Amino acid sequence: MEKAFAYICAAQDAAPRLLRRYCHKVYELGYVPICPKLSLPQYLSEDVPEEQRAMSQISQQLLRRCRMLVVCGGEITAAMAGEIGAAEKLKLICTTLDGLAKIKEQNE
């Protein structure tokens, strides 16, 4: 069975270990986590303006390939609100990590 891609939406300053935890939880719930905030800094630097723009463009491309956006964390930052708005324009499912877990529980 093919699994749907789920875009991980989290605060820019979220620690990598926290992002990995979010990704693992989404994986456990049956989705393929896509987390640009975790993967892109591995080879692009936010300190270089050109690379920062590339990070934004790549993140947008990844979002377009996902079926849903999963909001992770306690607060929604301005950048996260922008990602949520983009997902809504693309008519993607937008949910929280807790909401995704509740959906999974109801379907079991």
PDB file of N, CA and C in Angstrom:
ATOM      1  N   MET A   1       0.843  -1.185   0.000  1.00  0.00           N
ATOM      2  CA  MET A   1       0.000   0.000   0.000  1.00  0.00           C
ATOM      3  C   MET A   1       0.884   1.243   0.000  1.00  0.00           C
ATOM      4  N   GLU A   2       0.544   2.166  -0.849  1.00  0.00           N
ATOM      5  CA  GLU A   2       1.314   3.389  -0.938  1.00  0.00           C
ATOM      6  C   GLU A   2       0.885   4.352   0.173  1.00  0.00           C
ATOM      7  N   LYS A   3       1.866   5.009   0.763  1.00  0.00           N
ATOM      8  CA  LYS A   3       1.583   5.932   1.858  1.00  0.00           C
ATOM      9  C   LYS A   3       1.598   7.368   1.338  1.00  0.00           C
ATOM     10  N   ALA A   4       0.746   8.208   1.911  1.00  0.00           N
ATOM     11  CA  ALA A   4       0.662   9.613   1.528  1.00  0.00           C
ATOM     12  C   ALA A   4       1.791  10.405   2.172  1.00  0.00           C
ATOM     13  N   PHE A   5       2.253  11.432   1.446  1.00  0.00           N
ATOM     14  CA  PHE A   5       3.261  12.347   1.975  1.00  0.00           C
ATOM     15  C   PHE A   5       2.579  13.347   2.905  1.00  0.00           C
ATOM     16  N   ALA A   6       3.203  13.584   4.057  1.00  0.00           N
ATOM     17  CA  ALA A   6       2.693  14.545   5.039  1.00  0.00           C
ATOM     18  C   ALA A   6       3.790  15.567   5.326  1.00  0.00           C
ATOM     19  N   TYR A   7       3.523  16.828   5.016  1.00  0.00           N
ATOM     20  CA  TYR A   7       4.476  17.922   5.198  1.00  0.00           C
ATOM     21  C   TYR A   7       4.476  18.326   6.671  1.00  0.00           C
ATOM     22  N   ILE A   8       5.645  18.320   7.286  1.00  0.00           N
ATOM     23  CA  ILE A   8       5.778  18.684   8.698  1.00  0.00           C
ATOM     24  C   ILE A   8       5.966  20.196   8.808  1.00  0.00           C
ATOM     25  N   CYS A   9       5.015  20.853   9.438  1.00  0.00           N
ATOM     26  CA  CYS A   9       5.036  22.302   9.636  1.00  0.00           C
ATOM     27  C   CYS A   9       5.376  22.557  11.106  1.00  0.00           C
ATOM     28  N   ALA A  10       6.555  23.131  11.333  1.00  0.00           N
ATOM     29  CA  ALA A  10       7.011  23.390  12.704  1.00  0.00           C
ATOM     30  C   ALA A  10       7.762  24.717  12.735  1.00  0.00           C
ATOM     31  N   ALA A  11       7.982  25.218  13.929  1.00  0.00           N
ATOM     32  CA  ALA A  11       8.710  26.473  14.091  1.00  0.00           C
ATOM     33  C   ALA A  11      10.126  26.352  13.528  1.00  0.00           C
ATOM     34  N   GLN A  12      10.597  27.432  12.953  1.00  0.00           N
ATOM     35  CA  GLN A  12      11.930  27.452  12.346  1.00  0.00           C
ATOM     36  C   GLN A  12      13.020  27.116  13.354  1.00  0.00           C
ATOM     37  N   ASP A  13      12.814  27.501  14.603  1.00  0.00           N
ATOM     38  CA  ASP A  13      13.840  27.262  15.614  1.00  0.00           C
ATOM     39  C   ASP A  13      13.650  25.949  16.377  1.00  0.00           C
ATOM     40  N   ALA A  14      12.765  25.085  15.889  1.00  0.00           N
ATOM     41  CA  ALA A  14      12.564  23.785  16.545  1.00  0.00           C
ATOM     42  C   ALA A  14      13.851  22.971  16.470  1.00  0.00           C
ATOM     43  N   ALA A  15      14.201  22.345  17.574  1.00  0.00           N
ATOM     44  CA  ALA A  15      15.426  21.548  17.643  1.00  0.00           C
ATOM     45  C   ALA A  15      15.322  20.332  16.726  1.00  0.00           C
ATOM     46  N   PRO A  16      16.418  19.946  16.085  1.00  0.00           N
ATOM     47  CA  PRO A  16      16.398  18.770  15.200  1.00  0.00           C
ATOM     48  C   PRO A  16      15.853  17.511  15.875  1.00  0.00           C
ATOM     49  N   ARG A  17      16.179  17.296  17.143  1.00  0.00           N
ATOM     50  CA  ARG A  17      15.681  16.101  17.830  1.00  0.00           C
ATOM     51  C   ARG A  17      14.158  16.135  17.935  1.00  0.00           C
ATOM     52  N   LEU A  18      13.582  17.325  18.107  1.00  0.00           N
ATOM     53  CA  LEU A  18      12.135  17.478  18.166  1.00  0.00           C
ATOM     54  C   LEU A  18      11.517  17.229  16.784  1.00  0.00           C
ATOM     55  N   LEU A  19      12.150  17.748  15.748  1.00  0.00           N
ATOM     56  CA  LEU A  19      11.669  17.521  14.383  1.00  0.00           C
ATOM     57  C   LEU A  19      11.710  16.034  14.042  1.00  0.00           C
ATOM     58  N   ARG A  20      12.771  15.350  14.465  1.00  0.00           N
ATOM     59  CA  ARG A  20      12.867  13.903  14.227  1.00  0.00           C
ATOM     60  C   ARG A  20      11.740  13.167  14.951  1.00  0.00           C
ATOM     61  N   ARG A  21      11.415  13.624  16.152  1.00  0.00           N
ATOM     62  CA  ARG A  21      10.326  13.005  16.919  1.00  0.00           C
ATOM     63  C   ARG A  21       8.985  13.193  16.198  1.00  0.00           C
ATOM     64  N   TYR A  22       8.751  14.417  15.688  1.00  0.00           N
ATOM     65  CA  TYR A  22       7.528  14.671  14.925  1.00  0.00           C
ATOM     66  C   TYR A  22       7.465  13.741  13.710  1.00  0.00           C
ATOM     67  N   CYS A  23       8.579  13.652  12.986  1.00  0.00           N
ATOM     68  CA  CYS A  23       8.624  12.809  11.787  1.00  0.00           C
ATOM     69  C   CYS A  23       8.358  11.346  12.134  1.00  0.00           C
ATOM     70  N   HIS A  24       8.941  10.894  13.222  1.00  0.00           N
ATOM     71  CA  HIS A  24       8.755   9.502  13.604  1.00  0.00           C
ATOM     72  C   HIS A  24       7.301   9.217  13.959  1.00  0.00           C
ATOM     73  N   LYS A  25       6.673  10.145  14.647  1.00  0.00           N
ATOM     74  CA  LYS A  25       5.263   9.975  15.021  1.00  0.00           C
ATOM     75  C   LYS A  25       4.390   9.922  13.766  1.00  0.00           C
ATOM     76  N   VAL A  26       4.642  10.806  12.811  1.00  0.00           N
ATOM     77  CA  VAL A  26       3.878  10.812  11.559  1.00  0.00           C
ATOM     78  C   VAL A  26       4.100   9.496  10.814  1.00  0.00           C
ATOM     79  N   TYR A  27       5.324   9.019  10.824  1.00  0.00           N
ATOM     80  CA  TYR A  27       5.636   7.720  10.211  1.00  0.00           C
ATOM     81  C   TYR A  27       4.848   6.595  10.896  1.00  0.00           C
ATOM     82  N   GLU A  28       4.841   6.604  12.228  1.00  0.00           N
ATOM     83  CA  GLU A  28       4.100   5.583  12.978  1.00  0.00           C
ATOM     84  C   GLU A  28       2.607   5.613  12.662  1.00  0.00           C
ATOM     85  N   LEU A  29       2.102   6.788  12.315  1.00  0.00           N
ATOM     86  CA  LEU A  29       0.678   6.939  12.003  1.00  0.00           C
ATOM     87  C   LEU A  29       0.371   6.522  10.566  1.00  0.00           C
ATOM     88  N   GLY A  30       1.396   6.124   9.817  1.00  0.00           N
ATOM     89  CA  GLY A  30       1.171   5.578   8.488  1.00  0.00           C
ATOM     90  C   GLY A  30       1.422   6.506   7.319  1.00  0.00           C
ATOM     91  N   TYR A  31       2.145   7.582   7.535  1.00  0.00           N
ATOM     92  CA  TYR A  31       2.422   8.544   6.466  1.00  0.00           C
ATOM     93  C   TYR A  31       3.928   8.665   6.244  1.00  0.00           C
ATOM     94  N   VAL A  32       4.296   9.255   5.115  1.00  0.00           N
ATOM     95  CA  VAL A  32       5.698   9.533   4.819  1.00  0.00           C
ATOM     96  C   VAL A  32       5.952  10.989   5.206  1.00  0.00           C
ATOM     97  N   PRO A  33       6.722  11.233   6.271  1.00  0.00           N
ATOM     98  CA  PRO A  33       6.964  12.614   6.700  1.00  0.00           C
ATOM     99  C   PRO A  33       7.943  13.329   5.773  1.00  0.00           C
ATOM    100  N   ILE A  34       7.585  14.555   5.399  1.00  0.00           N
ATOM    101  CA  ILE A  34       8.436  15.424   4.599  1.00  0.00           C
ATOM    102  C   ILE A  34       8.716  16.646   5.467  1.00  0.00           C
ATOM    103  N   CYS A  35       9.976  16.810   5.877  1.00  0.00           N
ATOM    104  CA  CYS A  35      10.318  17.890   6.817  1.00  0.00           C
ATOM    105  C   CYS A  35      11.497  18.714   6.291  1.00  0.00           C
ATOM    106  N   PRO A  36      11.200  19.754   5.496  1.00  0.00           N
ATOM    107  CA  PRO A  36      12.274  20.590   4.963  1.00  0.00           C
ATOM    108  C   PRO A  36      13.146  21.230   6.045  1.00  0.00           C
ATOM    109  N   LYS A  37      12.555  21.561   7.183  1.00  0.00           N
ATOM    110  CA  LYS A  37      13.333  22.209   8.248  1.00  0.00           C
ATOM    111  C   LYS A  37      14.390  21.280   8.832  1.00  0.00           C
ATOM    112  N   LEU A  38      14.187  19.993   8.653  1.00  0.00           N
ATOM    113  CA  LEU A  38      15.151  19.006   9.134  1.00  0.00           C
ATOM    114  C   LEU A  38      16.155  18.638   8.034  1.00  0.00           C
ATOM    115  N   SER A  39      15.666  18.483   6.825  1.00  0.00           N
ATOM    116  CA  SER A  39      16.540  17.987   5.757  1.00  0.00           C
ATOM    117  C   SER A  39      17.336  19.078   5.044  1.00  0.00           C
ATOM    118  N   LEU A  40      16.737  20.203   4.734  1.00  0.00           N
ATOM    119  CA  LEU A  40      17.428  21.215   3.932  1.00  0.00           C
ATOM    120  C   LEU A  40      18.656  21.828   4.601  1.00  0.00           C
ATOM    121  N   PRO A  41      18.645  22.078   5.915  1.00  0.00           N
ATOM    122  CA  PRO A  41      19.857  22.643   6.545  1.00  0.00           C
ATOM    123  C   PRO A  41      21.060  21.695   6.495  1.00  0.00           C
ATOM    124  N   GLN A  42      20.832  20.448   6.080  1.00  0.00           N
ATOM    125  CA  GLN A  42      21.950  19.515   5.952  1.00  0.00           C
ATOM    126  C   GLN A  42      22.895  19.940   4.829  1.00  0.00           C
ATOM    127  N   TYR A  43      22.355  20.669   3.827  1.00  0.00           N
ATOM    128  CA  TYR A  43      23.206  21.057   2.701  1.00  0.00           C
ATOM    129  C   TYR A  43      23.030  22.508   2.248  1.00  0.00           C
ATOM    130  N   LEU A  44      22.091  23.236   2.852  1.00  0.00           N
ATOM    131  CA  LEU A  44      21.907  24.652   2.555  1.00  0.00           C
ATOM    132  C   LEU A  44      22.042  25.462   3.836  1.00  0.00           C
ATOM    133  N   SER A  45      22.569  26.683   3.716  1.00  0.00           N
ATOM    134  CA  SER A  45      22.778  27.538   4.880  1.00  0.00           C
ATOM    135  C   SER A  45      21.788  28.697   4.882  1.00  0.00           C
ATOM    136  N   GLU A  46      21.149  28.909   6.005  1.00  0.00           N
ATOM    137  CA  GLU A  46      20.237  30.046   6.145  1.00  0.00           C
ATOM    138  C   GLU A  46      20.992  31.370   6.202  1.00  0.00           C
ATOM    139  N   ASP A  47      22.289  31.315   6.431  1.00  0.00           N
ATOM    140  CA  ASP A  47      23.103  32.527   6.509  1.00  0.00           C
ATOM    141  C   ASP A  47      23.467  33.080   5.133  1.00  0.00           C
ATOM    142  N   VAL A  48      23.268  32.289   4.098  1.00  0.00           N
ATOM    143  CA  VAL A  48      23.566  32.707   2.727  1.00  0.00           C
ATOM    144  C   VAL A  48      22.240  33.052   2.050  1.00  0.00           C
ATOM    145  N   PRO A  49      22.027  34.340   1.699  1.00  0.00           N
ATOM    146  CA  PRO A  49      20.721  34.751   1.156  1.00  0.00           C
ATOM    147  C   PRO A  49      20.237  33.902  -0.022  1.00  0.00           C
ATOM    148  N   GLU A  50      21.112  33.572  -0.945  1.00  0.00           N
ATOM    149  CA  GLU A  50      20.720  32.763  -2.102  1.00  0.00           C
ATOM    150  C   GLU A  50      20.237  31.375  -1.671  1.00  0.00           C
ATOM    151  N   GLU A  51      20.921  30.797  -0.698  1.00  0.00           N
ATOM    152  CA  GLU A  51      20.537  29.471  -0.202  1.00  0.00           C
ATOM    153  C   GLU A  51      19.255  29.542   0.623  1.00  0.00           C
ATOM    154  N   GLN A  52      19.064  30.653   1.311  1.00  0.00           N
ATOM    155  CA  GLN A  52      17.826  30.844   2.070  1.00  0.00           C
ATOM    156  C   GLN A  52      16.634  30.900   1.114  1.00  0.00           C
ATOM    157  N   ARG A  53      16.787  31.604  -0.017  1.00  0.00           N
ATOM    158  CA  ARG A  53      15.726  31.642  -1.027  1.00  0.00           C
ATOM    159  C   ARG A  53      15.488  30.250  -1.607  1.00  0.00           C
ATOM    160  N   ALA A  54      16.576  29.521  -1.843  1.00  0.00           N
ATOM    161  CA  ALA A  54      16.453  28.158  -2.372  1.00  0.00           C
ATOM    162  C   ALA A  54      15.693  27.274  -1.390  1.00  0.00           C
ATOM    163  N   MET A  55      15.967  27.425  -0.102  1.00  0.00           N
ATOM    164  CA  MET A  55      15.257  26.643   0.913  1.00  0.00           C
ATOM    165  C   MET A  55      13.753  26.909   0.835  1.00  0.00           C
ATOM    166  N   SER A  56      13.394  28.159   0.675  1.00  0.00           N
ATOM    167  CA  SER A  56      11.992  28.525   0.590  1.00  0.00           C
ATOM    168  C   SER A  56      11.348  27.928  -0.660  1.00  0.00           C
ATOM    169  N   GLN A  57      12.031  28.020  -1.782  1.00  0.00           N
ATOM    170  CA  GLN A  57      11.491  27.479  -3.037  1.00  0.00           C
ATOM    171  C   GLN A  57      11.366  25.965  -2.987  1.00  0.00           C
ATOM    172  N   ILE A  58      12.360  25.293  -2.450  1.00  0.00           N
ATOM    173  CA  ILE A  58      12.319  23.833  -2.336  1.00  0.00           C
ATOM    174  C   ILE A  58      11.187  23.412  -1.393  1.00  0.00           C
ATOM    175  N   SER A  59      11.039  24.130  -0.296  1.00  0.00           N
ATOM    176  CA  SER A  59       9.958  23.822   0.660  1.00  0.00           C
ATOM    177  C   SER A  59       8.598  23.931  -0.012  1.00  0.00           C
ATOM    178  N   GLN A  60       8.416  24.970  -0.833  1.00  0.00           N
ATOM    179  CA  GLN A  60       7.147  25.141  -1.542  1.00  0.00           C
ATOM    180  C   GLN A  60       6.912  23.993  -2.522  1.00  0.00           C
ATOM    181  N   GLN A  61       7.961  23.565  -3.215  1.00  0.00           N
ATOM    182  CA  GLN A  61       7.821  22.441  -4.149  1.00  0.00           C
ATOM    183  C   GLN A  61       7.447  21.163  -3.399  1.00  0.00           C
ATOM    184  N   LEU A  62       8.082  20.940  -2.272  1.00  0.00           N
ATOM    185  CA  LEU A  62       7.769  19.752  -1.481  1.00  0.00           C
ATOM    186  C   LEU A  62       6.331  19.786  -0.984  1.00  0.00           C
ATOM    187  N   LEU A  63       5.891  20.951  -0.532  1.00  0.00           N
ATOM    188  CA  LEU A  63       4.520  21.091  -0.044  1.00  0.00           C
ATOM    189  C   LEU A  63       3.524  20.723  -1.139  1.00  0.00           C
ATOM    190  N   ARG A  64       3.777  21.156  -2.363  1.00  0.00           N
ATOM    191  CA  ARG A  64       2.860  20.857  -3.473  1.00  0.00           C
ATOM    192  C   ARG A  64       2.758  19.359  -3.756  1.00  0.00           C
ATOM    193  N   ARG A  65       3.764  18.601  -3.363  1.00  0.00           N
ATOM    194  CA  ARG A  65       3.760  17.159  -3.620  1.00  0.00           C
ATOM    195  C   ARG A  65       3.126  16.346  -2.480  1.00  0.00           C
ATOM    196  N   CYS A  66       2.763  17.034  -1.415  1.00  0.00           N
ATOM    197  CA  CYS A  66       2.189  16.351  -0.250  1.00  0.00           C
ATOM    198  C   CYS A  66       0.673  16.350  -0.307  1.00  0.00           C
ATOM    199  N   ARG A  67       0.087  15.391   0.380  1.00  0.00           N
ATOM    200  CA  ARG A  67      -1.372  15.306   0.468  1.00  0.00           C
ATOM    201  C   ARG A  67      -1.892  16.129   1.639  1.00  0.00           C
ATOM    202  N   MET A  68      -1.040  16.330   2.649  1.00  0.00           N
ATOM    203  CA  MET A  68      -1.488  17.047   3.833  1.00  0.00           C
ATOM    204  C   MET A  68      -0.343  17.818   4.480  1.00  0.00           C
ATOM    205  N   LEU A  69      -0.712  18.767   5.314  1.00  0.00           N
ATOM    206  CA  LEU A  69       0.231  19.512   6.137  1.00  0.00           C
ATOM    207  C   LEU A  69      -0.110  19.202   7.580  1.00  0.00           C
ATOM    208  N   VAL A  70       0.901  18.848   8.368  1.00  0.00           N
ATOM    209  CA  VAL A  70       0.697  18.511   9.771  1.00  0.00           C
ATOM    210  C   VAL A  70       1.394  19.575  10.629  1.00  0.00           C
ATOM    211  N   VAL A  71       0.610  20.324  11.384  1.00  0.00           N
ATOM    212  CA  VAL A  71       1.144  21.360  12.257  1.00  0.00           C
ATOM    213  C   VAL A  71       1.644  20.699  13.543  1.00  0.00           C
ATOM    214  N   CYS A  72       2.918  20.930  13.844  1.00  0.00           N
ATOM    215  CA  CYS A  72       3.536  20.335  15.027  1.00  0.00           C
ATOM    216  C   CYS A  72       4.030  21.443  15.951  1.00  0.00           C
ATOM    217  N   GLY A  73       3.836  21.249  17.238  1.00  0.00           N
ATOM    218  CA  GLY A  73       4.297  22.234  18.217  1.00  0.00           C
ATOM    219  C   GLY A  73       3.123  22.982  18.820  1.00  0.00           C
ATOM    220  N   GLY A  74       3.429  23.748  19.851  1.00  0.00           N
ATOM    221  CA  GLY A  74       2.395  24.430  20.613  1.00  0.00           C
ATOM    222  C   GLY A  74       1.944  25.764  20.060  1.00  0.00           C
ATOM    223  N   GLU A  75       2.798  26.430  19.306  1.00  0.00           N
ATOM    224  CA  GLU A  75       2.464  27.755  18.797  1.00  0.00           C
ATOM    225  C   GLU A  75       2.637  27.799  17.286  1.00  0.00           C
ATOM    226  N   ILE A  76       1.877  28.682  16.647  1.00  0.00           N
ATOM    227  CA  ILE A  76       1.994  28.874  15.208  1.00  0.00           C
ATOM    228  C   ILE A  76       2.716  30.192  14.968  1.00  0.00           C
ATOM    229  N   THR A  77       3.891  30.096  14.362  1.00  0.00           N
ATOM    230  CA  THR A  77       4.682  31.291  14.049  1.00  0.00           C
ATOM    231  C   THR A  77       4.179  31.907  12.748  1.00  0.00           C
ATOM    232  N   ALA A  78       4.679  33.086  12.423  1.00  0.00           N
ATOM    233  CA  ALA A  78       4.290  33.748  11.175  1.00  0.00           C
ATOM    234  C   ALA A  78       4.677  32.890   9.964  1.00  0.00           C
ATOM    235  N   ALA A  79       5.861  32.292  10.001  1.00  0.00           N
ATOM    236  CA  ALA A  79       6.301  31.433   8.895  1.00  0.00           C
ATOM    237  C   ALA A  79       5.397  30.212   8.761  1.00  0.00           C
ATOM    238  N   MET A  80       4.997  29.637   9.891  1.00  0.00           N
ATOM    239  CA  MET A  80       4.095  28.488   9.869  1.00  0.00           C
ATOM    240  C   MET A  80       2.734  28.895   9.300  1.00  0.00           C
ATOM    241  N   ALA A  81       2.257  30.069   9.682  1.00  0.00           N
ATOM    242  CA  ALA A  81       0.975  30.562   9.163  1.00  0.00           C
ATOM    243  C   ALA A  81       1.047  30.702   7.642  1.00  0.00           C
ATOM    244  N   GLY A  82       2.199  31.116   7.132  1.00  0.00           N
ATOM    245  CA  GLY A  82       2.388  31.218   5.691  1.00  0.00           C
ATOM    246  C   GLY A  82       2.318  29.854   5.016  1.00  0.00           C
ATOM    247  N   GLU A  83       2.935  28.851   5.641  1.00  0.00           N
ATOM    248  CA  GLU A  83       2.882  27.495   5.092  1.00  0.00           C
ATOM    249  C   GLU A  83       1.452  26.949   5.128  1.00  0.00           C
ATOM    250  N   ILE A  84       0.742  27.219   6.206  1.00  0.00           N
ATOM    251  CA  ILE A  84      -0.645  26.771   6.336  1.00  0.00           C
ATOM    252  C   ILE A  84      -1.506  27.434   5.257  1.00  0.00           C
ATOM    253  N   GLY A  85      -1.298  28.735   5.059  1.00  0.00           N
ATOM    254  CA  GLY A  85      -2.041  29.454   4.021  1.00  0.00           C
ATOM    255  C   GLY A  85      -1.767  28.883   2.636  1.00  0.00           C
ATOM    256  N   ALA A  86      -0.501  28.570   2.354  1.00  0.00           N
ATOM    257  CA  ALA A  86      -0.148  27.973   1.061  1.00  0.00           C
ATOM    258  C   ALA A  86      -0.810  26.614   0.897  1.00  0.00           C
ATOM    259  N   ALA A  87      -0.832  25.816   1.966  1.00  0.00           N
ATOM    260  CA  ALA A  87      -1.470  24.493   1.915  1.00  0.00           C
ATOM    261  C   ALA A  87      -2.973  24.629   1.668  1.00  0.00           C
ATOM    262  N   GLU A  88      -3.591  25.593   2.309  1.00  0.00           N
ATOM    263  CA  GLU A  88      -5.028  25.798   2.111  1.00  0.00           C
ATOM    264  C   GLU A  88      -5.327  26.190   0.669  1.00  0.00           C
ATOM    265  N   LYS A  89      -4.484  27.041   0.079  1.00  0.00           N
ATOM    266  CA  LYS A  89      -4.669  27.426  -1.330  1.00  0.00           C
ATOM    267  C   LYS A  89      -4.536  26.215  -2.247  1.00  0.00           C
ATOM    268  N   LEU A  90      -3.679  25.279  -1.868  1.00  0.00           N
ATOM    269  CA  LEU A  90      -3.489  24.058  -2.652  1.00  0.00           C
ATOM    270  C   LEU A  90      -4.561  23.012  -2.349  1.00  0.00           C
ATOM    271  N   LYS A  91      -5.472  23.372  -1.432  1.00  0.00           N
ATOM    272  CA  LYS A  91      -6.561  22.482  -1.006  1.00  0.00           C
ATOM    273  C   LYS A  91      -6.034  21.182  -0.377  1.00  0.00           C
ATOM    274  N   LEU A  92      -4.945  21.321   0.385  1.00  0.00           N
ATOM    275  CA  LEU A  92      -4.393  20.187   1.111  1.00  0.00           C
ATOM    276  C   LEU A  92      -5.107  20.052   2.449  1.00  0.00           C
ATOM    277  N   ILE A  93      -5.105  18.858   2.973  1.00  0.00           N
ATOM    278  CA  ILE A  93      -5.616  18.625   4.320  1.00  0.00           C
ATOM    279  C   ILE A  93      -4.655  19.295   5.293  1.00  0.00           C
ATOM    280  N   CYS A  94      -5.167  20.080   6.222  1.00  0.00           N
ATOM    281  CA  CYS A  94      -4.354  20.707   7.257  1.00  0.00           C
ATOM    282  C   CYS A  94      -4.843  20.192   8.604  1.00  0.00           C
ATOM    283  N   THR A  95      -3.945  19.629   9.371  1.00  0.00           N
ATOM    284  CA  THR A  95      -4.303  19.084  10.673  1.00  0.00           C
ATOM    285  C   THR A  95      -3.126  19.258  11.624  1.00  0.00           C
ATOM    286  N   THR A  96      -3.354  18.924  12.871  1.00  0.00           N
ATOM    287  CA  THR A  96      -2.271  18.932  13.859  1.00  0.00           C
ATOM    288  C   THR A  96      -1.791  17.497  14.046  1.00  0.00           C
ATOM    289  N   LEU A  97      -0.684  17.349  14.710  1.00  0.00           N
ATOM    290  CA  LEU A  97      -0.175  16.017  15.008  1.00  0.00           C
ATOM    291  C   LEU A  97      -1.172  15.264  15.897  1.00  0.00           C
ATOM    292  N   ASP A  98      -1.739  15.949  16.873  1.00  0.00           N
ATOM    293  CA  ASP A  98      -2.747  15.323  17.735  1.00  0.00           C
ATOM    294  C   ASP A  98      -3.988  14.943  16.940  1.00  0.00           C
ATOM    295  N   GLY A  99      -4.402  15.808  16.026  1.00  0.00           N
ATOM    296  CA  GLY A  99      -5.563  15.514  15.198  1.00  0.00           C
ATOM    297  C   GLY A  99      -5.337  14.298  14.316  1.00  0.00           C
ATOM    298  N   LEU A 100      -4.144  14.172  13.783  1.00  0.00           N
ATOM    299  CA  LEU A 100      -3.806  13.021  12.950  1.00  0.00           C
ATOM    300  C   LEU A 100      -3.846  11.740  13.776  1.00  0.00           C
ATOM    301  N   ALA A 101      -3.348  11.808  15.010  1.00  0.00           N
ATOM    302  CA  ALA A 101      -3.373  10.641  15.893  1.00  0.00           C
ATOM    303  C   ALA A 101      -4.817  10.248  16.228  1.00  0.00           C
ATOM    304  N   LYS A 102      -5.688  11.229  16.458  1.00  0.00           N
ATOM    305  CA  LYS A 102      -7.092  10.931  16.777  1.00  0.00           C
ATOM    306  C   LYS A 102      -7.793  10.277  15.594  1.00  0.00           C
ATOM    307  N   ILE A 103      -7.496  10.728  14.390  1.00  0.00           N
ATOM    308  CA  ILE A 103      -8.084  10.123  13.184  1.00  0.00           C
ATOM    309  C   ILE A 103      -7.662   8.672  13.090  1.00  0.00           C
ATOM    310  N   LYS A 104      -6.390   8.401  13.344  1.00  0.00           N
ATOM    311  CA  LYS A 104      -5.874   7.037  13.290  1.00  0.00           C
ATOM    312  C   LYS A 104      -6.581   6.156  14.320  1.00  0.00           C
ATOM    313  N   GLU A 105      -6.759   6.676  15.545  1.00  0.00           N
ATOM    314  CA  GLU A 105      -7.424   5.915  16.612  1.00  0.00           C
ATOM    315  C   GLU A 105      -8.856   5.577  16.225  1.00  0.00           C
ATOM    316  N   GLN A 106      -9.562   6.506  15.607  1.00  0.00           N
ATOM    317  CA  GLN A 106     -10.957   6.295  15.239  1.00  0.00           C
ATOM    318  C   GLN A 106     -11.096   5.244  14.133  1.00  0.00           C
ATOM    319  N   ASN A 107     -10.065   5.116  13.290  1.00  0.00           N
ATOM    320  CA  ASN A 107     -10.131   4.183  12.174  1.00  0.00           C
ATOM    321  C   ASN A 107      -9.653   2.776  12.547  1.00  0.00           C
ATOM    322  N   GLU A 108      -9.218   2.596  13.768  1.00  0.00           N
ATOM    323  CA  GLU A 108      -8.721   1.264  14.176  1.00  0.00           C
ATOM    324  C   GLU A 108      -9.808   0.427  14.773  1.00  0.00           C
TER     325      GLU A 108
END
